[in-house]
Amino acid sequence: MRFNILDTESSYRRLLEAADATTREALFRAELAEPFAGLAQVFGMSDPVAAFAMWNMKPEQFTGEQREWAAGLLDQLQQVKAWERAAQALERGYQAFAAHHADIPGESITFGLMLADMSAVPQAGGYSGFGAIPGWIMTVYGAATDHNLGCVEAATVHELHHNLVAAIGPAKGILYANAMTATVGDYMLMEGLAESFAAELYGADKIGPWVTAFDESQLERTKAIFRAGLNRSGFNVVRGYIFGGALAADYGFEAVDVPPNAGYALGYKMVQAYLQRSGKSVVEASFVPTQQVIEESGFFE
C-alpha cells in the first residue's frame, strides 16, 4: 500500500495566481478534482468539479472576495507544516495496522489536505475530513485556530481509520464501517473508534469539538434515546442520531432530539469504556462486532 499524497499546497498557490477563470477552473479540475473522480462516481456524480462544489470546494474561492480567506488560511497551514505533518500521520497510522496489512485490498490511497468553505457548519471548529470510502481521504480546513492547527495529525488518522477498517472489514466479517447500511450502533462505534484512534496516537487533547462540545448535562437523557435506537437503520435515520436534530432540516434527515454531534460524543465515550474494560488497543477493538463492544463496554447499562 502506498499513499498518493497530492501537493495541494502548490495547487492552491497556482489557483491564487491564475490569470483568469478559465485557467483557474482547468487547474482546479486537473490537480484537485480529478484525483478524486472515483470518489465522485461512488456518489453518482460523473463530474468531479460538480462533486467538489457540493462539498463547498470551488475554483472561484481563490479570487474575488474569498481570495483573502483562501490565501490567509493557506499561509497559516503552511506555517505549521500541515502538509508534512499529515503525510507523517498517514504513515504512523498505517503502521499501527501492521498486523492487518495483508488484508488491505487496493494498491494506493489518494490523500489531499483541502480547503473548503465551512462557514455553514460552525460546530465543526473549522476543520473536518472524509475517509469512509476506501481509496480516498481528505483532511479539510475552513478556518485556522490555535487548537485545530494542532490537530492536523489527529484529524488525518481519524479519516485513515475509517478508510482502512472499511477496506479490511469485509474480509473479517466486520461491516459496521459501511455508512449506507449501518445501524445507529454501528455508526456511533465507527466514529468512536476513529476518534479513539486519533487520541491513542496523538493524545486525548487532540480530540475534536464533535466530542468535546457535548453538553454533559444531557448525557443520561441522550443515552436513553440512543439505547432505544441502537438497532435502527437507514442512512437518513441514522444521521439524525449521529449529527443531532438541529441540522435535520438543512440536510434532510430525521430529526432526533439529541444534542449536535451526539453520536460522535457517545461513540467516543462508549469506545473508551470498552478499551478500559477489555485492555485492547483501538486497532484490536476495530474488528470486534458492534454488539459485543456495546455489551462489554457497559456504557448503556
C-alpha atoms as a PDB file:
ATOM      1  CA  MET A   1       0.000   0.000   0.000  1.00  0.00           C
ATOM      2  CA  ARG A   2       1.253   3.453  -0.871  1.00  0.00           C
ATOM      3  CA  PHE A   3      -0.148   6.921  -0.320  1.00  0.00           C
ATOM      4  CA  ASN A   4      -0.657   9.158  -3.324  1.00  0.00           C
ATOM      5  CA  ILE A   5      -0.274  12.444  -1.450  1.00  0.00           C
ATOM      6  CA  LEU A   6      -1.374  15.391  -3.555  1.00  0.00           C
ATOM      7  CA  ASP A   7       0.693  18.574  -3.400  1.00  0.00           C
ATOM      8  CA  THR A   8      -2.423  20.629  -2.835  1.00  0.00           C
ATOM      9  CA  GLU A   9      -0.441  23.485  -1.322  1.00  0.00           C
ATOM     10  CA  SER A  10       1.261  24.134  -4.660  1.00  0.00           C
ATOM     11  CA  SER A  11      -2.041  23.708  -6.497  1.00  0.00           C
ATOM     12  CA  TYR A  12      -3.701  26.298  -4.294  1.00  0.00           C
ATOM     13  CA  ARG A  13      -0.819  28.726  -4.828  1.00  0.00           C
ATOM     14  CA  ARG A  14      -1.292  28.364  -8.591  1.00  0.00           C
ATOM     15  CA  LEU A  15      -5.031  28.924  -8.229  1.00  0.00           C
ATOM     16  CA  LEU A  16      -4.389  32.150  -6.348  1.00  0.00           C
ATOM     17  CA  GLU A  17      -2.071  33.320  -9.133  1.00  0.00           C
ATOM     18  CA  ALA A  18      -4.259  32.198 -12.060  1.00  0.00           C
ATOM     19  CA  ALA A  19      -4.809  34.956 -14.626  1.00  0.00           C
ATOM     20  CA  ASP A  20      -8.441  34.188 -15.440  1.00  0.00           C
ATOM     21  CA  ALA A  21     -11.415  31.971 -14.635  1.00  0.00           C
ATOM     22  CA  THR A  22     -10.724  29.503 -17.453  1.00  0.00           C
ATOM     23  CA  THR A  23      -7.177  28.875 -16.258  1.00  0.00           C
ATOM     24  CA  ARG A  24      -8.348  28.646 -12.662  1.00  0.00           C
ATOM     25  CA  GLU A  25     -11.039  26.051 -13.404  1.00  0.00           C
ATOM     26  CA  ALA A  26      -8.690  23.971 -15.534  1.00  0.00           C
ATOM     27  CA  LEU A  27      -6.131  23.909 -12.699  1.00  0.00           C
ATOM     28  CA  PHE A  28      -8.784  23.058 -10.132  1.00  0.00           C
ATOM     29  CA  ARG A  29     -10.143  20.243 -12.258  1.00  0.00           C
ATOM     30  CA  ALA A  30      -6.812  18.672 -13.162  1.00  0.00           C
ATOM     31  CA  GLU A  31      -4.946  18.980  -9.872  1.00  0.00           C
ATOM     32  CA  LEU A  32      -7.635  18.793  -7.189  1.00  0.00           C
ATOM     33  CA  ALA A  33     -10.885  17.326  -8.505  1.00  0.00           C
ATOM     34  CA  GLU A  34      -9.765  14.671 -10.995  1.00  0.00           C
ATOM     35  CA  PRO A  35      -7.678  12.690  -8.452  1.00  0.00           C
ATOM     36  CA  PHE A  36     -10.984  12.201  -6.576  1.00  0.00           C
ATOM     37  CA  ALA A  37     -13.050  11.371  -9.687  1.00  0.00           C
ATOM     38  CA  GLY A  38     -13.509   7.805  -8.455  1.00  0.00           C
ATOM     39  CA  LEU A  39     -14.877   9.096  -5.162  1.00  0.00           C
ATOM     40  CA  ALA A  40     -17.299  11.381  -7.012  1.00  0.00           C
ATOM     41  CA  GLN A  41     -18.505   8.384  -9.026  1.00  0.00           C
ATOM     42  CA  VAL A  42     -19.264   6.484  -5.818  1.00  0.00           C
ATOM     43  CA  PHE A  43     -21.689   9.302  -5.045  1.00  0.00           C
ATOM     44  CA  GLY A  44     -23.209   9.026  -8.517  1.00  0.00           C
ATOM     45  CA  MET A  45     -21.518  12.084  -9.996  1.00  0.00           C
ATOM     46  CA  SER A  46     -19.651  11.934 -13.284  1.00  0.00           C
ATOM     47  CA  ASP A  47     -18.159  15.439 -12.957  1.00  0.00           C
ATOM     48  CA  PRO A  48     -15.753  15.682 -10.002  1.00  0.00           C
ATOM     49  CA  VAL A  49     -15.807  19.504 -10.116  1.00  0.00           C
ATOM     50  CA  ALA A  50     -19.554  19.396  -9.515  1.00  0.00           C
ATOM     51  CA  ALA A  51     -18.977  16.979  -6.643  1.00  0.00           C
ATOM     52  CA  PHE A  52     -16.401  19.311  -5.129  1.00  0.00           C
ATOM     53  CA  ALA A  53     -18.882  22.178  -5.397  1.00  0.00           C
ATOM     54  CA  MET A  54     -21.355  20.142  -3.321  1.00  0.00           C
ATOM     55  CA  TRP A  55     -18.560  19.740  -0.774  1.00  0.00           C
ATOM     56  CA  ASN A  56     -18.078  23.555  -0.754  1.00  0.00           C
ATOM     57  CA  MET A  57     -14.796  23.472  -2.649  1.00  0.00           C
ATOM     58  CA  LYS A  58     -14.838  25.643  -5.780  1.00  0.00           C
ATOM     59  CA  PRO A  59     -12.274  27.329  -8.069  1.00  0.00           C
ATOM     60  CA  GLU A  60     -13.907  30.728  -7.604  1.00  0.00           C
ATOM     61  CA  GLN A  61     -12.984  30.648  -3.919  1.00  0.00           C
ATOM     62  CA  PHE A  62      -9.478  31.692  -4.986  1.00  0.00           C
ATOM     63  CA  THR A  63     -10.467  35.011  -6.500  1.00  0.00           C
ATOM     64  CA  GLY A  64     -12.691  37.960  -5.635  1.00  0.00           C
ATOM     65  CA  GLU A  65     -13.999  38.346  -2.100  1.00  0.00           C
ATOM     66  CA  GLN A  66     -12.884  34.884  -0.972  1.00  0.00           C
ATOM     67  CA  ARG A  67      -9.310  35.202  -2.172  1.00  0.00           C
ATOM     68  CA  GLU A  68      -8.129  36.771   1.083  1.00  0.00           C
ATOM     69  CA  TRP A  69      -9.688  33.939   3.094  1.00  0.00           C
ATOM     70  CA  ALA A  70      -8.051  31.268   0.931  1.00  0.00           C
ATOM     71  CA  ALA A  71      -4.634  32.931   0.894  1.00  0.00           C
ATOM     72  CA  GLY A  72      -4.646  33.541   4.649  1.00  0.00           C
ATOM     73  CA  LEU A  73      -5.696  30.003   5.503  1.00  0.00           C
ATOM     74  CA  LEU A  74      -3.121  28.584   3.124  1.00  0.00           C
ATOM     75  CA  ASP A  75      -0.383  30.640   4.781  1.00  0.00           C
ATOM     76  CA  GLN A  76      -1.429  29.539   8.265  1.00  0.00           C
ATOM     77  CA  LEU A  77      -1.395  25.873   7.298  1.00  0.00           C
ATOM     78  CA  GLN A  78       1.970  26.266   5.592  1.00  0.00           C
ATOM     79  CA  GLN A  79       3.465  27.956   8.656  1.00  0.00           C
ATOM     80  CA  VAL A  80       2.657  24.957  10.859  1.00  0.00           C
ATOM     81  CA  LYS A  81       3.915  22.498   8.209  1.00  0.00           C
ATOM     82  CA  ALA A  82       0.467  20.956   7.912  1.00  0.00           C
ATOM     83  CA  TRP A  83       1.246  19.056   4.711  1.00  0.00           C
ATOM     84  CA  GLU A  84       4.346  17.392   6.094  1.00  0.00           C
ATOM     85  CA  ARG A  85       2.581  16.545   9.343  1.00  0.00           C
ATOM     86  CA  ALA A  86      -0.399  14.999   7.560  1.00  0.00           C
ATOM     87  CA  ALA A  87       1.912  12.807   5.457  1.00  0.00           C
ATOM     88  CA  GLN A  88       3.751  11.631   8.565  1.00  0.00           C
ATOM     89  CA  ALA A  89       0.445  10.896  10.308  1.00  0.00           C
ATOM     90  CA  LEU A  90      -0.713   8.699   7.431  1.00  0.00           C
ATOM     91  CA  GLU A  91       2.424   6.570   7.724  1.00  0.00           C
ATOM     92  CA  ARG A  92       2.172   6.336  11.500  1.00  0.00           C
ATOM     93  CA  GLY A  93      -1.499   5.387  11.340  1.00  0.00           C
ATOM     94  CA  TYR A  94      -0.875   2.821   8.634  1.00  0.00           C
ATOM     95  CA  GLN A  95       1.881   1.180  10.655  1.00  0.00           C
ATOM     96  CA  ALA A  96      -0.496   0.835  13.601  1.00  0.00           C
ATOM     97  CA  PHE A  97      -2.466  -1.549  11.372  1.00  0.00           C
ATOM     98  CA  ALA A  98       0.644  -3.610  10.535  1.00  0.00           C
ATOM     99  CA  ALA A  99      -0.985  -6.872  11.644  1.00  0.00           C
ATOM    100  CA  HIS A 100      -3.679  -6.343   9.005  1.00  0.00           C
ATOM    101  CA  HIS A 101      -1.642  -5.087   6.046  1.00  0.00           C
ATOM    102  CA  ALA A 102      -2.103  -8.332   4.144  1.00  0.00           C
ATOM    103  CA  ASP A 103      -5.877  -7.876   4.276  1.00  0.00           C
ATOM    104  CA  ILE A 104      -5.928  -4.394   2.725  1.00  0.00           C
ATOM    105  CA  PRO A 105      -7.143  -4.542  -0.888  1.00  0.00           C
ATOM    106  CA  GLY A 106      -6.002  -1.988  -3.431  1.00  0.00           C
ATOM    107  CA  GLU A 107      -2.597  -0.550  -4.127  1.00  0.00           C
ATOM    108  CA  SER A 108      -2.913   3.071  -3.069  1.00  0.00           C
ATOM    109  CA  ILE A 109      -4.886   5.688  -1.174  1.00  0.00           C
ATOM    110  CA  THR A 110      -5.167   9.197  -2.599  1.00  0.00           C
ATOM    111  CA  PHE A 111      -4.870  11.874   0.075  1.00  0.00           C
ATOM    112  CA  GLY A 112      -5.437  15.603  -0.068  1.00  0.00           C
ATOM    113  CA  LEU A 113      -5.229  18.310   2.582  1.00  0.00           C
ATOM    114  CA  MET A 114      -8.015  20.504   1.275  1.00  0.00           C
ATOM    115  CA  LEU A 115      -9.514  23.963   1.786  1.00  0.00           C
ATOM    116  CA  ALA A 116     -13.293  24.327   1.919  1.00  0.00           C
ATOM    117  CA  ASP A 117     -15.872  26.916   2.895  1.00  0.00           C
ATOM    118  CA  MET A 118     -17.084  25.559   6.244  1.00  0.00           C
ATOM    119  CA  SER A 119     -18.986  28.655   7.324  1.00  0.00           C
ATOM    120  CA  ALA A 120     -22.271  26.702   7.310  1.00  0.00           C
ATOM    121  CA  VAL A 121     -21.004  24.251   9.933  1.00  0.00           C
ATOM    122  CA  PRO A 122     -19.535  26.372  12.762  1.00  0.00           C
ATOM    123  CA  GLN A 123     -19.897  23.434  15.161  1.00  0.00           C
ATOM    124  CA  ALA A 124     -17.068  21.657  13.299  1.00  0.00           C
ATOM    125  CA  GLY A 125     -14.471  24.026  14.714  1.00  0.00           C
ATOM    126  CA  GLY A 126     -13.082  24.959  11.314  1.00  0.00           C
ATOM    127  CA  TYR A 127     -11.879  21.525  10.242  1.00  0.00           C
ATOM    128  CA  SER A 128     -13.190  18.143   9.223  1.00  0.00           C
ATOM    129  CA  GLY A 129     -12.436  15.300   6.851  1.00  0.00           C
ATOM    130  CA  PHE A 130     -13.714  12.372   4.852  1.00  0.00           C
ATOM    131  CA  GLY A 131     -12.345   8.854   4.625  1.00  0.00           C
ATOM    132  CA  ALA A 132     -15.297   6.467   4.595  1.00  0.00           C
ATOM    133  CA  ILE A 133     -14.738   5.197   1.033  1.00  0.00           C
ATOM    134  CA  PRO A 134     -11.614   3.033   0.634  1.00  0.00           C
ATOM    135  CA  GLY A 135      -9.045   4.624  -1.649  1.00  0.00           C
ATOM    136  CA  TRP A 136      -9.601   8.314  -0.917  1.00  0.00           C
ATOM    137  CA  ILE A 137      -9.009  10.505   2.132  1.00  0.00           C
ATOM    138  CA  MET A 138      -9.386  14.233   2.689  1.00  0.00           C
ATOM    139  CA  THR A 139      -8.462  16.322   5.701  1.00  0.00           C
ATOM    140  CA  VAL A 140     -10.341  19.591   5.288  1.00  0.00           C
ATOM    141  CA  TYR A 141      -9.782  23.054   6.773  1.00  0.00           C
ATOM    142  CA  GLY A 142     -12.089  26.033   6.520  1.00  0.00           C
ATOM    143  CA  ALA A 143     -10.543  28.185   9.239  1.00  0.00           C
ATOM    144  CA  ALA A 144      -7.434  28.066  11.388  1.00  0.00           C
ATOM    145  CA  THR A 145      -7.416  28.247  15.178  1.00  0.00           C
ATOM    146  CA  ASP A 146      -4.713  27.562  17.720  1.00  0.00           C
ATOM    147  CA  HIS A 147      -6.479  24.313  18.621  1.00  0.00           C
ATOM    148  CA  ASN A 148      -7.294  22.929  15.204  1.00  0.00           C
ATOM    149  CA  LEU A 149      -3.860  23.699  13.776  1.00  0.00           C
ATOM    150  CA  GLY A 150      -2.556  21.306  16.421  1.00  0.00           C
ATOM    151  CA  CYS A 151      -4.984  18.628  15.280  1.00  0.00           C
ATOM    152  CA  VAL A 152      -3.794  18.030  11.704  1.00  0.00           C
ATOM    153  CA  GLU A 153      -2.437  14.601  12.580  1.00  0.00           C
ATOM    154  CA  ALA A 154      -5.422  13.581  14.696  1.00  0.00           C
ATOM    155  CA  ALA A 155      -7.933  14.607  12.028  1.00  0.00           C
ATOM    156  CA  THR A 156      -5.936  12.755   9.381  1.00  0.00           C
ATOM    157  CA  VAL A 157      -5.643   9.455  11.240  1.00  0.00           C
ATOM    158  CA  HIS A 158      -9.330   9.649  12.181  1.00  0.00           C
ATOM    159  CA  GLU A 159     -10.130   9.508   8.470  1.00  0.00           C
ATOM    160  CA  LEU A 160      -7.433   6.907   7.823  1.00  0.00           C
ATOM    161  CA  HIS A 161      -9.039   4.661  10.423  1.00  0.00           C
ATOM    162  CA  HIS A 162     -12.354   4.868   8.570  1.00  0.00           C
ATOM    163  CA  ASN A 163     -10.618   4.074   5.303  1.00  0.00           C
ATOM    164  CA  LEU A 164      -8.647   1.074   6.494  1.00  0.00           C
ATOM    165  CA  VAL A 165     -11.455  -0.505   8.502  1.00  0.00           C
ATOM    166  CA  ALA A 166     -13.860  -0.107   5.596  1.00  0.00           C
ATOM    167  CA  ALA A 167     -11.298  -1.837   3.358  1.00  0.00           C
ATOM    168  CA  ILE A 168     -10.262  -4.615   5.752  1.00  0.00           C
ATOM    169  CA  GLY A 169     -13.599  -5.230   7.458  1.00  0.00           C
ATOM    170  CA  PRO A 170     -15.408  -7.323   4.823  1.00  0.00           C
ATOM    171  CA  ALA A 171     -12.666  -9.974   4.866  1.00  0.00           C
ATOM    172  CA  LYS A 172     -13.123 -10.264   8.622  1.00  0.00           C
ATOM    173  CA  GLY A 173     -16.913 -10.177   8.653  1.00  0.00           C
ATOM    174  CA  ILE A 174     -16.945  -6.659  10.099  1.00  0.00           C
ATOM    175  CA  LEU A 175     -19.256  -4.368   8.150  1.00  0.00           C
ATOM    176  CA  TYR A 176     -20.080  -1.549  10.574  1.00  0.00           C
ATOM    177  CA  ALA A 177     -17.973   0.894   8.580  1.00  0.00           C
ATOM    178  CA  ASN A 178     -20.437   0.869   5.669  1.00  0.00           C
ATOM    179  CA  ALA A 179     -22.277   4.108   6.380  1.00  0.00           C
ATOM    180  CA  MET A 180     -25.048   3.260   3.913  1.00  0.00           C
ATOM    181  CA  THR A 181     -26.105   0.068   5.723  1.00  0.00           C
ATOM    182  CA  ALA A 182     -25.025   0.867   9.290  1.00  0.00           C
ATOM    183  CA  THR A 183     -27.296   0.874  12.290  1.00  0.00           C
ATOM    184  CA  VAL A 184     -27.148   3.649  14.869  1.00  0.00           C
ATOM    185  CA  GLY A 185     -24.920   1.420  16.995  1.00  0.00           C
ATOM    186  CA  ASP A 186     -22.637   0.675  14.043  1.00  0.00           C
ATOM    187  CA  TYR A 187     -22.205   4.316  13.131  1.00  0.00           C
ATOM    188  CA  MET A 188     -21.509   5.506  16.666  1.00  0.00           C
ATOM    189  CA  LEU A 189     -18.958   2.700  17.014  1.00  0.00           C
ATOM    190  CA  MET A 190     -17.324   3.699  13.726  1.00  0.00           C
ATOM    191  CA  GLU A 191     -16.920   7.308  14.843  1.00  0.00           C
ATOM    192  CA  GLY A 192     -15.941   6.384  18.392  1.00  0.00           C
ATOM    193  CA  LEU A 193     -13.181   4.096  17.201  1.00  0.00           C
ATOM    194  CA  ALA A 194     -11.824   6.634  14.706  1.00  0.00           C
ATOM    195  CA  GLU A 195     -11.665   9.396  17.314  1.00  0.00           C
ATOM    196  CA  SER A 196     -10.186   6.980  19.855  1.00  0.00           C
ATOM    197  CA  PHE A 197      -7.537   6.037  17.286  1.00  0.00           C
ATOM    198  CA  ALA A 198      -6.630   9.716  16.968  1.00  0.00           C
ATOM    199  CA  ALA A 199      -6.470  10.058  20.754  1.00  0.00           C
ATOM    200  CA  GLU A 200      -4.405   6.895  21.133  1.00  0.00           C
ATOM    201  CA  LEU A 201      -1.800   8.102  18.643  1.00  0.00           C
ATOM    202  CA  TYR A 202      -1.772  11.840  19.344  1.00  0.00           C
ATOM    203  CA  GLY A 203      -3.350  12.432  22.749  1.00  0.00           C
ATOM    204  CA  ALA A 204      -6.825  12.995  24.154  1.00  0.00           C
ATOM    205  CA  ASP A 205      -6.232  16.758  24.000  1.00  0.00           C
ATOM    206  CA  LYS A 206      -6.440  16.471  20.194  1.00  0.00           C
ATOM    207  CA  ILE A 207      -9.965  15.107  20.003  1.00  0.00           C
ATOM    208  CA  GLY A 208     -12.365  17.298  18.082  1.00  0.00           C
ATOM    209  CA  PRO A 209     -15.255  19.554  19.115  1.00  0.00           C
ATOM    210  CA  TRP A 210     -17.678  16.914  17.847  1.00  0.00           C
ATOM    211  CA  VAL A 211     -16.746  15.158  21.123  1.00  0.00           C
ATOM    212  CA  THR A 212     -15.591  17.893  23.487  1.00  0.00           C
ATOM    213  CA  ALA A 213     -18.504  20.289  22.900  1.00  0.00           C
ATOM    214  CA  PHE A 214     -21.088  17.770  24.052  1.00  0.00           C
ATOM    215  CA  ASP A 215     -23.329  19.080  26.861  1.00  0.00           C
ATOM    216  CA  GLU A 216     -22.633  16.631  29.687  1.00  0.00           C
ATOM    217  CA  SER A 217     -25.839  17.657  31.451  1.00  0.00           C
ATOM    218  CA  GLN A 218     -27.654  15.937  28.570  1.00  0.00           C
ATOM    219  CA  LEU A 219     -25.741  12.661  28.860  1.00  0.00           C
ATOM    220  CA  GLU A 220     -28.259  10.412  30.592  1.00  0.00           C
ATOM    221  CA  ARG A 221     -31.196  11.661  28.532  1.00  0.00           C
ATOM    222  CA  THR A 222     -29.220  11.222  25.310  1.00  0.00           C
ATOM    223  CA  LYS A 223     -28.010   7.751  26.282  1.00  0.00           C
ATOM    224  CA  ALA A 224     -31.617   6.682  26.818  1.00  0.00           C
ATOM    225  CA  ILE A 225     -32.589   7.861  23.329  1.00  0.00           C
ATOM    226  CA  PHE A 226     -29.627   6.071  21.786  1.00  0.00           C
ATOM    227  CA  ARG A 227     -30.255   2.915  23.821  1.00  0.00           C
ATOM    228  CA  ALA A 228     -33.749   2.708  22.352  1.00  0.00           C
ATOM    229  CA  GLY A 229     -32.498   3.362  18.820  1.00  0.00           C
ATOM    230  CA  LEU A 230     -29.278   1.339  18.604  1.00  0.00           C
ATOM    231  CA  ASN A 231     -30.676  -1.093  16.034  1.00  0.00           C
ATOM    232  CA  ARG A 232     -32.398   1.462  13.839  1.00  0.00           C
ATOM    233  CA  SER A 233     -31.041   1.758  10.301  1.00  0.00           C
ATOM    234  CA  GLY A 234     -31.484   3.815   7.156  1.00  0.00           C
ATOM    235  CA  PHE A 235     -28.977   6.494   6.205  1.00  0.00           C
ATOM    236  CA  ASN A 236     -31.231   9.474   6.922  1.00  0.00           C
ATOM    237  CA  VAL A 237     -32.487   7.894  10.143  1.00  0.00           C
ATOM    238  CA  VAL A 238     -29.007   7.154  11.467  1.00  0.00           C
ATOM    239  CA  ARG A 239     -27.696  10.613  10.662  1.00  0.00           C
ATOM    240  CA  GLY A 240     -30.376  12.136  12.886  1.00  0.00           C
ATOM    241  CA  TYR A 241     -28.857  10.359  15.870  1.00  0.00           C
ATOM    242  CA  ILE A 242     -25.236  10.965  14.891  1.00  0.00           C
ATOM    243  CA  PHE A 243     -25.473  14.659  13.987  1.00  0.00           C
ATOM    244  CA  GLY A 244     -28.426  15.729  16.145  1.00  0.00           C
ATOM    245  CA  GLY A 245     -31.796  17.219  15.375  1.00  0.00           C
ATOM    246  CA  ALA A 246     -30.652  20.809  14.887  1.00  0.00           C
ATOM    247  CA  LEU A 247     -29.225  20.015  11.442  1.00  0.00           C
ATOM    248  CA  ALA A 248     -32.105  17.834  10.246  1.00  0.00           C
ATOM    249  CA  ALA A 249     -33.997  20.494   8.319  1.00  0.00           C
ATOM    250  CA  ASP A 250     -30.874  21.678   6.494  1.00  0.00           C
ATOM    251  CA  TYR A 251     -29.663  18.221   5.465  1.00  0.00           C
ATOM    252  CA  GLY A 252     -32.879  16.270   5.040  1.00  0.00           C
ATOM    253  CA  PHE A 253     -32.531  13.625   7.728  1.00  0.00           C
ATOM    254  CA  GLU A 254     -34.836  12.546  10.525  1.00  0.00           C
ATOM    255  CA  ALA A 255     -34.897  14.939  13.459  1.00  0.00           C
ATOM    256  CA  VAL A 256     -33.875  13.254  16.702  1.00  0.00           C
ATOM    257  CA  ASP A 257     -33.978  15.255  19.928  1.00  0.00           C
ATOM    258  CA  VAL A 258     -30.319  14.883  20.845  1.00  0.00           C
ATOM    259  CA  PRO A 259     -27.513  17.487  21.028  1.00  0.00           C
ATOM    260  CA  PRO A 260     -25.358  18.295  17.981  1.00  0.00           C
ATOM    261  CA  ASN A 261     -22.904  15.510  17.097  1.00  0.00           C
ATOM    262  CA  ALA A 262     -24.278  13.327  19.886  1.00  0.00           C
ATOM    263  CA  GLY A 263     -23.313  10.148  18.049  1.00  0.00           C
ATOM    264  CA  TYR A 264     -19.674  11.200  17.891  1.00  0.00           C
ATOM    265  CA  ALA A 265     -19.551  12.057  21.583  1.00  0.00           C
ATOM    266  CA  LEU A 266     -21.372   8.956  22.790  1.00  0.00           C
ATOM    267  CA  GLY A 267     -19.454   6.764  20.383  1.00  0.00           C
ATOM    268  CA  TYR A 268     -16.184   8.032  21.793  1.00  0.00           C
ATOM    269  CA  LYS A 269     -17.336   7.533  25.377  1.00  0.00           C
ATOM    270  CA  MET A 270     -18.561   4.012  24.614  1.00  0.00           C
ATOM    271  CA  VAL A 271     -15.314   3.001  22.915  1.00  0.00           C
ATOM    272  CA  GLN A 272     -13.230   4.457  25.716  1.00  0.00           C
ATOM    273  CA  ALA A 273     -15.252   2.416  28.212  1.00  0.00           C
ATOM    274  CA  TYR A 274     -14.727  -0.710  26.114  1.00  0.00           C
ATOM    275  CA  LEU A 275     -10.978  -0.122  25.813  1.00  0.00           C
ATOM    276  CA  GLN A 276     -10.643   0.327  29.568  1.00  0.00           C
ATOM    277  CA  ARG A 277     -12.606  -2.837  30.323  1.00  0.00           C
ATOM    278  CA  SER A 278     -11.042  -5.024  27.624  1.00  0.00           C
ATOM    279  CA  GLY A 279      -7.449  -3.794  27.672  1.00  0.00           C
ATOM    280  CA  LYS A 280      -7.434  -3.842  23.865  1.00  0.00           C
ATOM    281  CA  SER A 281      -5.813  -1.297  21.589  1.00  0.00           C
ATOM    282  CA  VAL A 282      -8.054   0.652  19.223  1.00  0.00           C
ATOM    283  CA  VAL A 283      -6.866  -1.430  16.262  1.00  0.00           C
ATOM    284  CA  GLU A 284      -7.703  -4.642  18.108  1.00  0.00           C
ATOM    285  CA  ALA A 285     -11.105  -3.269  19.066  1.00  0.00           C
ATOM    286  CA  SER A 286     -11.754  -2.256  15.466  1.00  0.00           C
ATOM    287  CA  PHE A 287     -12.503  -5.841  14.470  1.00  0.00           C
ATOM    288  CA  VAL A 288     -14.833  -6.725  17.324  1.00  0.00           C
ATOM    289  CA  PRO A 289     -18.539  -6.948  16.360  1.00  0.00           C
ATOM    290  CA  THR A 290     -20.662  -3.935  17.231  1.00  0.00           C
ATOM    291  CA  GLN A 291     -22.999  -5.730  19.625  1.00  0.00           C
ATOM    292  CA  GLN A 292     -20.061  -7.198  21.538  1.00  0.00           C
ATOM    293  CA  VAL A 293     -18.486  -3.769  22.011  1.00  0.00           C
ATOM    294  CA  ILE A 294     -21.803  -2.297  23.133  1.00  0.00           C
ATOM    295  CA  GLU A 295     -22.403  -5.066  25.658  1.00  0.00           C
ATOM    296  CA  GLU A 296     -18.869  -5.376  27.005  1.00  0.00           C
ATOM    297  CA  SER A 297     -18.375  -1.623  27.296  1.00  0.00           C
ATOM    298  CA  GLY A 298     -21.160  -1.438  29.864  1.00  0.00           C
ATOM    299  CA  PHE A 299     -21.852   2.042  28.565  1.00  0.00           C
ATOM    300  CA  PHE A 300     -25.615   1.625  28.258  1.00  0.00           C
ATOM    301  CA  GLU A 301     -26.132  -0.302  31.496  1.00  0.00           C
END
